[in-house]
């Protein structure tokens, strides 16, 4: 079931692409590997 695509489309319709969001997320925190391990 491709529900993810619909969710990503909503995100992109807000003016930000997934790539932009990934960039902003990494820019906000350089400790992403540590955060991912906690997740």
ModelCIF file with pLDDT and N, C-alpha, C, O atoms, coordinates in Angstrom:
data_MODEL
#
_entry.id   MODEL 
#
_entity.id                         1 
_entity.type                       polymer 
_entity.pdbx_number_of_molecules   1 
#
_entity_poly.entity_id                      1 
_entity_poly.type                           'polypeptide(L)' 
_entity_poly.nstd_linkage                   no 
_entity_poly.nstd_monomer                   no 
_entity_poly.pdbx_seq_one_letter_code       
;(UNK)(UNK)(UNK)(UNK)(UNK)(UNK)(UNK)(UNK)(UNK)(UNK)(UNK)(UNK)(UNK)(UNK)(UNK)(UNK)
(UNK)(UNK)(UNK)(UNK)(UNK)(UNK)(UNK)(UNK)(UNK)(UNK)(UNK)(UNK)(UNK)(UNK)(UNK)(UNK)
(UNK)(UNK)(UNK)(UNK)(UNK)(UNK)(UNK)
;
_entity_poly.pdbx_seq_one_letter_code_can   XXXXXXXXXXXXXXXXXXXXXXXXXXXXXXXXXXXXXXX 
_entity_poly.pdbx_strand_id                 A 
#
loop_
_entity_poly_seq.entity_id 
_entity_poly_seq.num 
_entity_poly_seq.mon_id 
_entity_poly_seq.hetero 
1 1  UNK n 
1 2  UNK n 
1 3  UNK n 
1 4  UNK n 
1 5  UNK n 
1 6  UNK n 
1 7  UNK n 
1 8  UNK n 
1 9  UNK n 
1 10 UNK n 
1 11 UNK n 
1 12 UNK n 
1 13 UNK n 
1 14 UNK n 
1 15 UNK n 
1 16 UNK n 
1 17 UNK n 
1 18 UNK n 
1 19 UNK n 
1 20 UNK n 
1 21 UNK n 
1 22 UNK n 
1 23 UNK n 
1 24 UNK n 
1 25 UNK n 
1 26 UNK n 
1 27 UNK n 
1 28 UNK n 
1 29 UNK n 
1 30 UNK n 
1 31 UNK n 
1 32 UNK n 
1 33 UNK n 
1 34 UNK n 
1 35 UNK n 
1 36 UNK n 
1 37 UNK n 
1 38 UNK n 
1 39 UNK n 
#
_struct_asym.id          A 
_struct_asym.entity_id   1 
#
loop_
_ma_qa_metric.id 
_ma_qa_metric.mode 
_ma_qa_metric.name 
_ma_qa_metric.software_group_id 
_ma_qa_metric.type 
1 global pLDDT . pLDDT 
2 local  pLDDT . pLDDT 
#
_ma_qa_metric_global.metric_id      1 
_ma_qa_metric_global.metric_value   53.26 
_ma_qa_metric_global.model_id       1 
_ma_qa_metric_global.ordinal_id     1 
#
loop_
_ma_qa_metric_local.label_asym_id 
_ma_qa_metric_local.label_comp_id 
_ma_qa_metric_local.label_seq_id 
_ma_qa_metric_local.metric_id 
_ma_qa_metric_local.metric_value 
_ma_qa_metric_local.model_id 
_ma_qa_metric_local.ordinal_id 
A UNK 1  2 43.00 1 1  
A UNK 2  2 42.00 1 2  
A UNK 3  2 51.00 1 3  
A UNK 4  2 47.00 1 4  
A UNK 5  2 45.00 1 5  
A UNK 6  2 52.00 1 6  
A UNK 7  2 47.00 1 7  
A UNK 8  2 44.00 1 8  
A UNK 9  2 48.00 1 9  
A UNK 10 2 52.00 1 10 
A UNK 11 2 46.00 1 11 
A UNK 12 2 44.00 1 12 
A UNK 13 2 51.00 1 13 
A UNK 14 2 51.00 1 14 
A UNK 15 2 49.00 1 15 
A UNK 16 2 49.00 1 16 
A UNK 17 2 46.00 1 17 
A UNK 18 2 46.00 1 18 
A UNK 19 2 46.00 1 19 
A UNK 20 2 51.00 1 20 
A UNK 21 2 48.00 1 21 
A UNK 22 2 46.00 1 22 
A UNK 23 2 48.00 1 23 
A UNK 24 2 50.00 1 24 
A UNK 25 2 47.00 1 25 
A UNK 26 2 47.00 1 26 
A UNK 27 2 45.00 1 27 
A UNK 28 2 41.00 1 28 
A UNK 29 2 41.00 1 29 
A UNK 30 2 41.00 1 30 
A UNK 31 2 40.00 1 31 
A UNK 32 2 58.00 1 32 
A UNK 33 2 64.00 1 33 
A UNK 34 2 70.00 1 34 
A UNK 35 2 82.00 1 35 
A UNK 36 2 85.00 1 36 
A UNK 37 2 89.00 1 37 
A UNK 38 2 92.00 1 38 
A UNK 39 2 93.00 1 39 
#
loop_
_atom_site.group_PDB 
_atom_site.id 
_atom_site.type_symbol 
_atom_site.label_atom_id 
_atom_site.label_alt_id 
_atom_site.label_comp_id 
_atom_site.label_asym_id 
_atom_site.label_entity_id 
_atom_site.label_seq_id 
_atom_site.pdbx_PDB_ins_code 
_atom_site.Cartn_x 
_atom_site.Cartn_y 
_atom_site.Cartn_z 
_atom_site.occupancy 
_atom_site.B_iso_or_equiv 
_atom_site.pdbx_formal_charge 
_atom_site.auth_seq_id 
_atom_site.auth_comp_id 
_atom_site.auth_asym_id 
_atom_site.auth_atom_id 
_atom_site.pdbx_PDB_model_num 
ATOM 1   N N  . UNK A 1 1  ? 0.837  -1.206 0.000  1.00 43.00 ? 1  UNK A N  1 
ATOM 2   C CA . UNK A 1 1  ? 0.000  0.000  0.000  1.00 43.00 ? 1  UNK A CA 1 
ATOM 3   C C  . UNK A 1 1  ? 0.868  1.250  0.000  1.00 43.00 ? 1  UNK A C  1 
ATOM 4   O O  . UNK A 1 1  ? 1.696  1.417  0.896  1.00 43.00 ? 1  UNK A O  1 
ATOM 5   N N  . UNK A 1 2  ? 0.697  2.153  -1.004 1.00 42.00 ? 2  UNK A N  1 
ATOM 6   C CA . UNK A 1 2  ? 1.598  3.306  -1.156 1.00 42.00 ? 2  UNK A CA 1 
ATOM 7   C C  . UNK A 1 2  ? 1.163  4.545  -0.379 1.00 42.00 ? 2  UNK A C  1 
ATOM 8   O O  . UNK A 1 2  ? 1.175  5.645  -0.933 1.00 42.00 ? 2  UNK A O  1 
ATOM 9   N N  . UNK A 1 3  ? 0.778  4.396  0.895  1.00 51.00 ? 3  UNK A N  1 
ATOM 10  C CA . UNK A 1 3  ? 0.314  5.549  1.660  1.00 51.00 ? 3  UNK A CA 1 
ATOM 11  C C  . UNK A 1 3  ? 1.396  6.607  1.835  1.00 51.00 ? 3  UNK A C  1 
ATOM 12  O O  . UNK A 1 3  ? 1.100  7.797  1.943  1.00 51.00 ? 3  UNK A O  1 
ATOM 13  N N  . UNK A 1 4  ? 2.642  6.171  1.861  1.00 47.00 ? 4  UNK A N  1 
ATOM 14  C CA . UNK A 1 4  ? 3.740  7.099  2.086  1.00 47.00 ? 4  UNK A CA 1 
ATOM 15  C C  . UNK A 1 4  ? 3.782  8.189  1.033  1.00 47.00 ? 4  UNK A C  1 
ATOM 16  O O  . UNK A 1 4  ? 4.056  9.346  1.350  1.00 47.00 ? 4  UNK A O  1 
ATOM 17  N N  . UNK A 1 5  ? 3.516  7.837  -0.212 1.00 45.00 ? 5  UNK A N  1 
ATOM 18  C CA . UNK A 1 5  ? 3.588  8.818  -1.294 1.00 45.00 ? 5  UNK A CA 1 
ATOM 19  C C  . UNK A 1 5  ? 2.589  9.942  -1.083 1.00 45.00 ? 5  UNK A C  1 
ATOM 20  O O  . UNK A 1 5  ? 2.891  11.106 -1.343 1.00 45.00 ? 5  UNK A O  1 
ATOM 21  N N  . UNK A 1 6  ? 1.394  9.592  -0.609 1.00 52.00 ? 6  UNK A N  1 
ATOM 22  C CA . UNK A 1 6  ? 0.395  10.617 -0.348 1.00 52.00 ? 6  UNK A CA 1 
ATOM 23  C C  . UNK A 1 6  ? 0.841  11.564 0.744  1.00 52.00 ? 6  UNK A C  1 
ATOM 24  O O  . UNK A 1 6  ? 0.622  12.772 0.658  1.00 52.00 ? 6  UNK A O  1 
ATOM 25  N N  . UNK A 1 7  ? 1.462  11.017 1.765  1.00 47.00 ? 7  UNK A N  1 
ATOM 26  C CA . UNK A 1 7  ? 1.946  11.860 2.862  1.00 47.00 ? 7  UNK A CA 1 
ATOM 27  C C  . UNK A 1 7  ? 3.060  12.776 2.386  1.00 47.00 ? 7  UNK A C  1 
ATOM 28  O O  . UNK A 1 7  ? 3.093  13.956 2.738  1.00 47.00 ? 7  UNK A O  1 
ATOM 29  N N  . UNK A 1 8  ? 3.962  12.244 1.597  1.00 44.00 ? 8  UNK A N  1 
ATOM 30  C CA . UNK A 1 8  ? 5.063  13.065 1.100  1.00 44.00 ? 8  UNK A CA 1 
ATOM 31  C C  . UNK A 1 8  ? 4.553  14.161 0.166  1.00 44.00 ? 8  UNK A C  1 
ATOM 32  O O  . UNK A 1 8  ? 5.087  15.270 0.149  1.00 44.00 ? 8  UNK A O  1 
ATOM 33  N N  . UNK A 1 9  ? 3.517  13.841 -0.609 1.00 48.00 ? 9  UNK A N  1 
ATOM 34  C CA . UNK A 1 9  ? 2.936  14.858 -1.490 1.00 48.00 ? 9  UNK A CA 1 
ATOM 35  C C  . UNK A 1 9  ? 2.377  16.019 -0.675 1.00 48.00 ? 9  UNK A C  1 
ATOM 36  O O  . UNK A 1 9  ? 2.510  17.179 -1.066 1.00 48.00 ? 9  UNK A O  1 
ATOM 37  N N  . UNK A 1 10 ? 1.745  15.702 0.468  1.00 52.00 ? 10 UNK A N  1 
ATOM 38  C CA . UNK A 1 10 ? 1.227  16.760 1.337  1.00 52.00 ? 10 UNK A CA 1 
ATOM 39  C C  . UNK A 1 10 ? 2.366  17.654 1.816  1.00 52.00 ? 10 UNK A C  1 
ATOM 40  O O  . UNK A 1 10 ? 2.245  18.878 1.849  1.00 52.00 ? 10 UNK A O  1 
ATOM 41  N N  . UNK A 1 11 ? 3.465  17.018 2.182  1.00 46.00 ? 11 UNK A N  1 
ATOM 42  C CA . UNK A 1 11 ? 4.629  17.770 2.647  1.00 46.00 ? 11 UNK A CA 1 
ATOM 43  C C  . UNK A 1 11 ? 5.161  18.671 1.538  1.00 46.00 ? 11 UNK A C  1 
ATOM 44  O O  . UNK A 1 11 ? 5.493  19.832 1.775  1.00 46.00 ? 11 UNK A O  1 
ATOM 45  N N  . UNK A 1 12 ? 5.239  18.131 0.340  1.00 44.00 ? 12 UNK A N  1 
ATOM 46  C CA . UNK A 1 12 ? 5.784  18.887 -0.770 1.00 44.00 ? 12 UNK A CA 1 
ATOM 47  C C  . UNK A 1 12 ? 4.855  20.015 -1.198 1.00 44.00 ? 12 UNK A C  1 
ATOM 48  O O  . UNK A 1 12 ? 5.317  21.055 -1.669 1.00 44.00 ? 12 UNK A O  1 
ATOM 49  N N  . UNK A 1 13 ? 3.550  19.819 -1.037 1.00 51.00 ? 13 UNK A N  1 
ATOM 50  C CA . UNK A 1 13 ? 2.592  20.862 -1.388 1.00 51.00 ? 13 UNK A CA 1 
ATOM 51  C C  . UNK A 1 13 ? 2.693  22.068 -0.467 1.00 51.00 ? 13 UNK A C  1 
ATOM 52  O O  . UNK A 1 13 ? 2.211  23.151 -0.799 1.00 51.00 ? 13 UNK A O  1 
ATOM 53  N N  . UNK A 1 14 ? 3.318  21.881 0.689  1.00 51.00 ? 14 UNK A N  1 
ATOM 54  C CA . UNK A 1 14 ? 3.474  23.004 1.618  1.00 51.00 ? 14 UNK A CA 1 
ATOM 55  C C  . UNK A 1 14 ? 4.587  23.944 1.177  1.00 51.00 ? 14 UNK A C  1 
ATOM 56  O O  . UNK A 1 14 ? 4.824  24.974 1.807  1.00 51.00 ? 14 UNK A O  1 
ATOM 57  N N  . UNK A 1 15 ? 5.278  23.581 0.078  1.00 49.00 ? 15 UNK A N  1 
ATOM 58  C CA . UNK A 1 15 ? 6.331  24.434 -0.430 1.00 49.00 ? 15 UNK A CA 1 
ATOM 59  C C  . UNK A 1 15 ? 7.710  23.875 -0.217 1.00 49.00 ? 15 UNK A C  1 
ATOM 60  O O  . UNK A 1 15 ? 8.686  24.429 -0.722 1.00 49.00 ? 15 UNK A O  1 
ATOM 61  N N  . UNK A 1 16 ? 7.815  22.773 0.528  1.00 49.00 ? 16 UNK A N  1 
ATOM 62  C CA . UNK A 1 16 ? 9.109  22.148 0.794  1.00 49.00 ? 16 UNK A CA 1 
ATOM 63  C C  . UNK A 1 16 ? 9.161  20.764 0.181  1.00 49.00 ? 16 UNK A C  1 
ATOM 64  O O  . UNK A 1 16 ? 8.228  19.976 0.332  1.00 49.00 ? 16 UNK A O  1 
ATOM 65  N N  . UNK A 1 17 ? 10.234 20.470 -0.501 1.00 46.00 ? 17 UNK A N  1 
ATOM 66  C CA . UNK A 1 17 ? 10.418 19.122 -1.024 1.00 46.00 ? 17 UNK A CA 1 
ATOM 67  C C  . UNK A 1 17 ? 10.987 18.251 0.077  1.00 46.00 ? 17 UNK A C  1 
ATOM 68  O O  . UNK A 1 17 ? 11.490 18.760 1.079  1.00 46.00 ? 17 UNK A O  1 
ATOM 69  N N  . UNK A 1 18 ? 10.910 16.943 -0.102 1.00 46.00 ? 18 UNK A N  1 
ATOM 70  C CA . UNK A 1 18 ? 11.498 16.038 0.869  1.00 46.00 ? 18 UNK A CA 1 
ATOM 71  C C  . UNK A 1 18 ? 12.989 16.304 1.008  1.00 46.00 ? 18 UNK A C  1 
ATOM 72  O O  . UNK A 1 18 ? 13.534 16.237 2.110  1.00 46.00 ? 18 UNK A O  1 
ATOM 73  N N  . UNK A 1 19 ? 13.651 16.606 -0.106 1.00 46.00 ? 19 UNK A N  1 
ATOM 74  C CA . UNK A 1 19 ? 15.076 16.905 -0.066 1.00 46.00 ? 19 UNK A CA 1 
ATOM 75  C C  . UNK A 1 19 ? 15.350 18.135 0.785  1.00 46.00 ? 19 UNK A C  1 
ATOM 76  O O  . UNK A 1 19 ? 16.298 18.154 1.570  1.00 46.00 ? 19 UNK A O  1 
ATOM 77  N N  . UNK A 1 20 ? 14.517 19.165 0.628  1.00 51.00 ? 20 UNK A N  1 
ATOM 78  C CA . UNK A 1 20 ? 14.666 20.371 1.451  1.00 51.00 ? 20 UNK A CA 1 
ATOM 79  C C  . UNK A 1 20 ? 14.507 20.039 2.925  1.00 51.00 ? 20 UNK A C  1 
ATOM 80  O O  . UNK A 1 20 ? 15.265 20.520 3.768  1.00 51.00 ? 20 UNK A O  1 
ATOM 81  N N  . UNK A 1 21 ? 13.511 19.208 3.229  1.00 48.00 ? 21 UNK A N  1 
ATOM 82  C CA . UNK A 1 21 ? 13.249 18.860 4.622  1.00 48.00 ? 21 UNK A CA 1 
ATOM 83  C C  . UNK A 1 21 ? 14.389 18.075 5.225  1.00 48.00 ? 21 UNK A C  1 
ATOM 84  O O  . UNK A 1 21 ? 14.752 18.290 6.382  1.00 48.00 ? 21 UNK A O  1 
ATOM 85  N N  . UNK A 1 22 ? 14.965 17.155 4.445  1.00 46.00 ? 22 UNK A N  1 
ATOM 86  C CA . UNK A 1 22 ? 16.111 16.399 4.923  1.00 46.00 ? 22 UNK A CA 1 
ATOM 87  C C  . UNK A 1 22 ? 17.286 17.327 5.197  1.00 46.00 ? 22 UNK A C  1 
ATOM 88  O O  . UNK A 1 22 ? 18.004 17.158 6.182  1.00 46.00 ? 22 UNK A O  1 
ATOM 89  N N  . UNK A 1 23 ? 17.477 18.305 4.323  1.00 48.00 ? 23 UNK A N  1 
ATOM 90  C CA . UNK A 1 23 ? 18.576 19.257 4.501  1.00 48.00 ? 23 UNK A CA 1 
ATOM 91  C C  . UNK A 1 23 ? 18.379 20.075 5.766  1.00 48.00 ? 23 UNK A C  1 
ATOM 92  O O  . UNK A 1 23 ? 19.306 20.233 6.561  1.00 48.00 ? 23 UNK A O  1 
ATOM 93  N N  . UNK A 1 24 ? 17.163 20.599 5.953  1.00 50.00 ? 24 UNK A N  1 
ATOM 94  C CA . UNK A 1 24 ? 16.887 21.417 7.129  1.00 50.00 ? 24 UNK A CA 1 
ATOM 95  C C  . UNK A 1 24 ? 17.018 20.603 8.406  1.00 50.00 ? 24 UNK A C  1 
ATOM 96  O O  . UNK A 1 24 ? 17.498 21.102 9.424  1.00 50.00 ? 24 UNK A O  1 
ATOM 97  N N  . UNK A 1 25 ? 16.584 19.334 8.346  1.00 47.00 ? 25 UNK A N  1 
ATOM 98  C CA . UNK A 1 25 ? 16.698 18.463 9.510  1.00 47.00 ? 25 UNK A CA 1 
ATOM 99  C C  . UNK A 1 25 ? 18.152 18.251 9.893  1.00 47.00 ? 25 UNK A C  1 
ATOM 100 O O  . UNK A 1 25 ? 18.504 18.344 11.069 1.00 47.00 ? 25 UNK A O  1 
ATOM 101 N N  . UNK A 1 26 ? 19.003 17.966 8.909  1.00 47.00 ? 26 UNK A N  1 
ATOM 102 C CA . UNK A 1 26 ? 20.424 17.754 9.186  1.00 47.00 ? 26 UNK A CA 1 
ATOM 103 C C  . UNK A 1 26 ? 21.101 19.047 9.627  1.00 47.00 ? 26 UNK A C  1 
ATOM 104 O O  . UNK A 1 26 ? 21.975 19.037 10.494 1.00 47.00 ? 26 UNK A O  1 
ATOM 105 N N  . UNK A 1 27 ? 20.685 20.167 9.018  1.00 45.00 ? 27 UNK A N  1 
ATOM 106 C CA . UNK A 1 27 ? 21.267 21.462 9.372  1.00 45.00 ? 27 UNK A CA 1 
ATOM 107 C C  . UNK A 1 27 ? 20.976 21.808 10.823 1.00 45.00 ? 27 UNK A C  1 
ATOM 108 O O  . UNK A 1 27 ? 21.793 22.426 11.505 1.00 45.00 ? 27 UNK A O  1 
ATOM 109 N N  . UNK A 1 28 ? 19.774 21.391 11.293 1.00 41.00 ? 28 UNK A N  1 
ATOM 110 C CA . UNK A 1 28 ? 19.367 21.708 12.659 1.00 41.00 ? 28 UNK A CA 1 
ATOM 111 C C  . UNK A 1 28 ? 20.144 20.905 13.691 1.00 41.00 ? 28 UNK A C  1 
ATOM 112 O O  . UNK A 1 28 ? 20.322 21.357 14.822 1.00 41.00 ? 28 UNK A O  1 
ATOM 113 N N  . UNK A 1 29 ? 20.608 19.719 13.313 1.00 41.00 ? 29 UNK A N  1 
ATOM 114 C CA . UNK A 1 29 ? 21.333 18.888 14.270 1.00 41.00 ? 29 UNK A CA 1 
ATOM 115 C C  . UNK A 1 29 ? 22.399 18.072 13.573 1.00 41.00 ? 29 UNK A C  1 
ATOM 116 O O  . UNK A 1 29 ? 22.102 17.330 12.636 1.00 41.00 ? 29 UNK A O  1 
ATOM 117 N N  . UNK A 1 30 ? 23.651 18.202 14.023 1.00 41.00 ? 30 UNK A N  1 
ATOM 118 C CA . UNK A 1 30 ? 24.730 17.411 13.459 1.00 41.00 ? 30 UNK A CA 1 
ATOM 119 C C  . UNK A 1 30 ? 24.833 16.061 14.144 1.00 41.00 ? 30 UNK A C  1 
ATOM 120 O O  . UNK A 1 30 ? 25.694 15.256 13.789 1.00 41.00 ? 30 UNK A O  1 
ATOM 121 N N  . UNK A 1 31 ? 23.971 15.797 15.120 1.00 40.00 ? 31 UNK A N  1 
ATOM 122 C CA . UNK A 1 31 ? 24.021 14.537 15.865 1.00 40.00 ? 31 UNK A CA 1 
ATOM 123 C C  . UNK A 1 31 ? 22.989 13.547 15.347 1.00 40.00 ? 31 UNK A C  1 
ATOM 124 O O  . UNK A 1 31 ? 22.457 12.744 16.113 1.00 40.00 ? 31 UNK A O  1 
ATOM 125 N N  . UNK A 1 32 ? 22.704 13.601 14.048 1.00 58.00 ? 32 UNK A N  1 
ATOM 126 C CA . UNK A 1 32 ? 21.667 12.749 13.481 1.00 58.00 ? 32 UNK A CA 1 
ATOM 127 C C  . UNK A 1 32 ? 21.919 11.262 13.676 1.00 58.00 ? 32 UNK A C  1 
ATOM 128 O O  . UNK A 1 32 ? 20.976 10.537 13.993 1.00 58.00 ? 32 UNK A O  1 
ATOM 129 N N  . UNK A 1 33 ? 23.160 10.760 13.501 1.00 64.00 ? 33 UNK A N  1 
ATOM 130 C CA . UNK A 1 33 ? 23.376 9.325  13.745 1.00 64.00 ? 33 UNK A CA 1 
ATOM 131 C C  . UNK A 1 33 ? 23.006 8.918  15.163 1.00 64.00 ? 33 UNK A C  1 
ATOM 132 O O  . UNK A 1 33 ? 22.412 7.860  15.374 1.00 64.00 ? 33 UNK A O  1 
ATOM 133 N N  . UNK A 1 34 ? 23.355 9.758  16.139 1.00 70.00 ? 34 UNK A N  1 
ATOM 134 C CA . UNK A 1 34 ? 23.016 9.468  17.529 1.00 70.00 ? 34 UNK A CA 1 
ATOM 135 C C  . UNK A 1 34 ? 21.509 9.474  17.720 1.00 70.00 ? 34 UNK A C  1 
ATOM 136 O O  . UNK A 1 34 ? 20.959 8.606  18.397 1.00 70.00 ? 34 UNK A O  1 
ATOM 137 N N  . UNK A 1 35 ? 20.838 10.461 17.119 1.00 82.00 ? 35 UNK A N  1 
ATOM 138 C CA . UNK A 1 35 ? 19.387 10.533 17.208 1.00 82.00 ? 35 UNK A CA 1 
ATOM 139 C C  . UNK A 1 35 ? 18.741 9.302  16.586 1.00 82.00 ? 35 UNK A C  1 
ATOM 140 O O  . UNK A 1 35 ? 17.766 8.769  17.116 1.00 82.00 ? 35 UNK A O  1 
ATOM 141 N N  . UNK A 1 36 ? 19.285 8.858  15.469 1.00 85.00 ? 36 UNK A N  1 
ATOM 142 C CA . UNK A 1 36 ? 18.730 7.690  14.792 1.00 85.00 ? 36 UNK A CA 1 
ATOM 143 C C  . UNK A 1 36 ? 18.903 6.427  15.621 1.00 85.00 ? 36 UNK A C  1 
ATOM 144 O O  . UNK A 1 36 ? 18.032 5.557  15.628 1.00 85.00 ? 36 UNK A O  1 
ATOM 145 N N  . UNK A 1 37 ? 20.026 6.330  16.318 1.00 89.00 ? 37 UNK A N  1 
ATOM 146 C CA . UNK A 1 37 ? 20.235 5.167  17.184 1.00 89.00 ? 37 UNK A CA 1 
ATOM 147 C C  . UNK A 1 37 ? 19.234 5.165  18.341 1.00 89.00 ? 37 UNK A C  1 
ATOM 148 O O  . UNK A 1 37 ? 18.741 4.108  18.735 1.00 89.00 ? 37 UNK A O  1 
ATOM 149 N N  . UNK A 1 38 ? 18.936 6.340  18.880 1.00 92.00 ? 38 UNK A N  1 
ATOM 150 C CA . UNK A 1 38 ? 17.937 6.429  19.948 1.00 92.00 ? 38 UNK A CA 1 
ATOM 151 C C  . UNK A 1 38 ? 16.554 6.038  19.422 1.00 92.00 ? 38 UNK A C  1 
ATOM 152 O O  . UNK A 1 38 ? 15.789 5.353  20.100 1.00 92.00 ? 38 UNK A O  1 
ATOM 153 N N  . UNK A 1 39 ? 16.252 6.485  18.210 1.00 93.00 ? 39 UNK A N  1 
ATOM 154 C CA . UNK A 1 39 ? 14.973 6.137  17.604 1.00 93.00 ? 39 UNK A CA 1 
ATOM 155 C C  . UNK A 1 39 ? 14.883 4.629  17.379 1.00 93.00 ? 39 UNK A C  1 
ATOM 156 O O  . UNK A 1 39 ? 13.872 4.140  16.873 1.00 93.00 ? 39 UNK A O  1 
#
